[in-house]
N, C-alpha and C. Protein backbone atom coordinates (compact mmCIF):
# COMPACT_ATOMS: atom_id res chain seq x y z
N MET A 1 0.89 -1.25 0.16
CA MET A 1 -0.12 0.13 -0.13
C MET A 1 0.77 1.32 -0.23
N ASN A 2 0.48 2.07 -0.89
CA ASN A 2 1.51 3.21 -0.59
C ASN A 2 1.03 4.45 0.02
N ASN A 3 1.67 5.37 0.16
CA ASN A 3 1.73 6.28 1.21
C ASN A 3 0.14 7.49 0.88
N ILE A 4 -0.16 7.44 -0.10
CA ILE A 4 -1.82 8.37 -0.22
C ILE A 4 -2.71 7.29 0.15
N ASP A 5 -2.57 5.86 -0.28
CA ASP A 5 -3.72 5.15 0.53
C ASP A 5 -3.56 5.23 1.58
N LYS A 6 -2.42 4.90 2.41
CA LYS A 6 -2.22 4.69 3.81
C LYS A 6 -3.02 6.12 4.53
N VAL A 7 -2.92 7.33 3.78
CA VAL A 7 -3.39 8.78 4.54
C VAL A 7 -5.29 8.75 4.00
N LEU A 8 -5.41 8.02 2.81
CA LEU A 8 -6.91 8.15 2.59
C LEU A 8 -7.52 7.14 3.18
N ASP A 9 -7.13 6.17 4.12
CA ASP A 9 -7.22 5.31 4.97
C ASP A 9 -7.45 5.83 6.14
N SER A 10 -6.50 6.52 6.39
CA SER A 10 -6.88 7.15 7.81
C SER A 10 -7.77 8.42 7.83
N VAL A 11 -8.05 9.43 7.03
CA VAL A 11 -8.78 10.42 6.75
C VAL A 11 -10.46 9.65 6.70
N MET A 12 -10.44 8.60 6.10
CA MET A 12 -11.82 8.40 6.03
C MET A 12 -12.26 7.33 7.38
N GLN A 13 -11.01 7.35 8.18
CA GLN A 13 -11.31 6.97 9.65
C GLN A 13 -12.35 8.37 10.76
N LEU A 14 -12.19 9.57 10.04
CA LEU A 14 -12.61 10.61 10.29
C LEU A 14 -14.24 10.83 10.17
N ASP A 15 -14.76 11.60 10.87
CA ASP A 15 -16.32 11.58 10.59
C ASP A 15 -16.34 12.87 9.91
N TYR A 16 -17.22 12.92 9.37
CA TYR A 16 -17.62 14.19 7.90
C TYR A 16 -17.53 15.35 8.32
N THR A 17 -17.75 15.89 9.29
CA THR A 17 -17.01 17.04 9.83
C THR A 17 -15.78 17.42 9.92
N GLU A 18 -15.11 16.36 10.59
CA GLU A 18 -13.42 16.62 10.42
C GLU A 18 -12.92 16.68 9.30
N ARG A 19 -13.34 15.57 8.00
CA ARG A 19 -13.02 15.57 6.56
C ARG A 19 -13.14 16.77 6.34
N GLU A 20 -14.71 17.68 6.18
CA GLU A 20 -14.62 19.08 5.98
C GLU A 20 -13.43 20.02 6.25
N LEU A 21 -13.20 20.05 7.39
CA LEU A 21 -12.41 20.53 8.10
C LEU A 21 -11.23 20.74 7.55
N LEU A 22 -10.38 19.29 7.26
CA LEU A 22 -9.15 18.75 6.57
C LEU A 22 -9.08 19.21 5.38
N LEU A 23 -10.41 19.22 4.61
CA LEU A 23 -10.37 19.79 3.43
C LEU A 23 -9.86 21.27 3.06
N GLU A 24 -10.91 22.08 3.94
CA GLU A 24 -10.71 23.44 4.00
C GLU A 24 -8.99 23.84 4.59
N ILE A 25 -8.67 23.28 5.63
CA ILE A 25 -7.01 23.60 5.85
C ILE A 25 -6.37 22.82 4.72
N LEU A 26 -6.42 21.99 3.84
CA LEU A 26 -5.71 21.56 2.80
C LEU A 26 -5.69 22.65 1.29
N GLN A 27 -6.90 23.13 1.43
CA GLN A 27 -7.20 24.32 0.13
C GLN A 27 -6.74 25.74 0.76
N ARG A 28 -6.54 25.95 1.85
CA ARG A 28 -5.78 27.10 2.10
C ARG A 28 -4.70 26.96 2.25
N ARG A 29 -3.80 26.03 2.29
CA ARG A 29 -2.13 25.25 2.25
C ARG A 29 -2.23 25.43 0.96
N GLN A 30 -2.75 24.88 0.42
CA GLN A 30 -2.78 24.91 -1.03
C GLN A 30 -2.15 26.38 -1.80
N THR A 31 -3.26 27.05 -1.28
CA THR A 31 -3.47 28.52 -1.75
C THR A 31 -2.00 29.24 -1.43
N GLU A 32 -1.86 29.31 0.03
CA GLU A 32 -0.74 29.92 0.45
C GLU A 32 0.52 29.54 -0.06
N ALA A 33 1.04 28.16 -0.43
CA ALA A 33 1.87 27.42 -1.35
C ALA A 33 2.39 28.45 -3.08
N ARG A 34 0.70 28.32 -3.16
CA ARG A 34 1.12 28.55 -4.92
C ARG A 34 1.30 30.11 -4.66
N ARG A 35 0.90 30.71 -3.78
CA ARG A 35 1.17 32.59 -3.57
C ARG A 35 2.79 32.46 -3.20
N LYS A 36 3.33 31.50 -2.44
CA LYS A 36 4.30 31.93 -2.09
C LYS A 36 5.42 31.51 -3.46
N GLU A 37 4.95 30.35 -4.31
CA GLU A 37 5.59 29.86 -5.74
C GLU A 37 5.45 31.08 -6.63
N ILE A 38 4.63 31.85 -6.57
CA ILE A 38 4.17 33.01 -7.61
C ILE A 38 5.30 33.94 -7.10
N ALA A 39 5.05 34.28 -5.98
CA ALA A 39 6.14 35.37 -5.64
C ALA A 39 7.53 34.79 -5.69
N ARG A 40 8.29 33.78 -5.37
CA ARG A 40 9.41 33.16 -5.83
C ARG A 40 10.00 33.86 -7.15
N ASN A 41 8.73 33.21 -8.36
CA ASN A 41 8.93 33.28 -9.09
C ASN A 41 9.02 34.97 -9.92
N ALA A 42 8.52 35.66 -8.96
CA ALA A 42 8.28 37.27 -9.53
C ALA A 42 9.76 37.86 -8.76
N GLY A 43 9.78 37.27 -7.93
CA GLY A 43 11.62 37.90 -7.47
C GLY A 43 12.62 37.38 -8.60
N THR A 44 12.69 35.90 -8.83
CA THR A 44 13.31 35.86 -9.81
C THR A 44 13.47 36.32 -11.05
N ALA A 45 12.37 36.80 -11.54
CA ALA A 45 12.10 37.46 -12.78
C ALA A 45 12.49 38.74 -12.62
N LYS A 46 12.38 39.57 -11.50
CA LYS A 46 13.06 40.87 -11.23
C LYS A 46 14.31 40.62 -11.08
N THR A 47 14.83 39.71 -10.39
CA THR A 47 16.25 39.68 -10.28
C THR A 47 16.81 39.61 -11.76
N ASN A 48 16.33 38.88 -12.57
CA ASN A 48 17.04 38.52 -14.13
C ASN A 48 16.64 39.74 -14.47
N PHE A 49 15.51 40.25 -14.86
CA PHE A 49 15.53 42.09 -15.36
C PHE A 49 16.88 42.61 -15.02
N ALA A 50 16.68 43.06 -13.62
CA ALA A 50 17.71 43.82 -12.84
C ALA A 50 19.22 43.57 -13.83
N ASN A 51 19.64 42.06 -13.67
CA ASN A 51 20.71 41.80 -14.35
C ASN A 51 21.05 41.67 -15.82
N GLY A 52 20.20 42.16 -16.41
CA GLY A 52 19.92 42.09 -18.02
C GLY A 52 20.22 40.69 -18.54
N LYS A 53 19.22 39.78 -17.85
CA LYS A 53 19.26 38.39 -18.58
C LYS A 53 17.80 38.49 -19.33
N ILE A 54 16.77 39.35 -19.02
CA ILE A 54 15.57 39.78 -19.82
C ILE A 54 15.35 40.96 -20.09
N LYS A 55 14.64 40.81 -21.50
CA LYS A 55 14.85 42.55 -22.31
C LYS A 55 13.28 42.34 -22.33
N THR A 56 12.85 43.56 -22.03
CA THR A 56 11.71 44.32 -22.30
C THR A 56 10.93 44.25 -23.35
N GLN A 57 9.73 43.60 -23.86
CA GLN A 57 9.15 43.70 -24.64
C GLN A 57 7.84 44.04 -24.89
N SER A 58 7.14 44.21 -26.17
CA SER A 58 5.96 44.82 -25.99
C SER A 58 5.22 43.68 -26.26
N ALA A 59 3.95 43.87 -25.40
CA ALA A 59 2.56 42.64 -25.69
C ALA A 59 2.55 42.03 -26.93
N ASP A 60 2.67 43.06 -27.76
CA ASP A 60 2.58 42.08 -29.22
C ASP A 60 3.54 41.30 -29.57
N GLU A 61 4.81 41.58 -29.13
CA GLU A 61 5.61 40.10 -29.48
C GLU A 61 5.90 39.35 -28.45
N ILE A 62 5.06 39.72 -27.56
CA ILE A 62 5.23 38.26 -26.94
C ILE A 62 3.83 37.29 -27.02
N ILE A 63 3.00 38.07 -27.50
CA ILE A 63 1.97 37.26 -28.21
C ILE A 63 1.99 36.33 -29.54
N LYS A 64 2.80 37.37 -30.12
CA LYS A 64 3.40 36.48 -31.68
C LYS A 64 4.33 35.71 -30.99
N LYS A 65 5.22 35.44 -30.03
CA LYS A 65 6.16 34.59 -29.98
C LYS A 65 5.55 33.37 -29.24
N LEU A 66 4.32 33.57 -28.46
CA LEU A 66 3.65 32.53 -27.86
C LEU A 66 3.04 31.81 -29.19
N ASN A 67 2.17 32.71 -29.85
CA ASN A 67 1.42 32.05 -31.23
C ASN A 67 2.33 31.41 -31.98
N SER A 68 3.44 31.48 -31.93
CA SER A 68 4.64 30.39 -32.74
C SER A 68 5.03 29.32 -31.96
N LEU A 69 4.60 29.21 -31.15
CA LEU A 69 5.01 27.63 -30.09
C LEU A 69 4.33 26.81 -30.71
């Protein structure tokens, strides 16, 4: 049995209200983790821009590049 199965088995032993609470907590933590990831990515992008590793582009240039992928 893998770890996820073990966790799911444990969670299903909780009553309905506790499972609902667990879901809410997990969703909040996932949201916060994603926010932190976005902030790290933004920080990296700002650093790369400041170091000249990224150049400014117009929206049209970016869209053109995205459409060519």
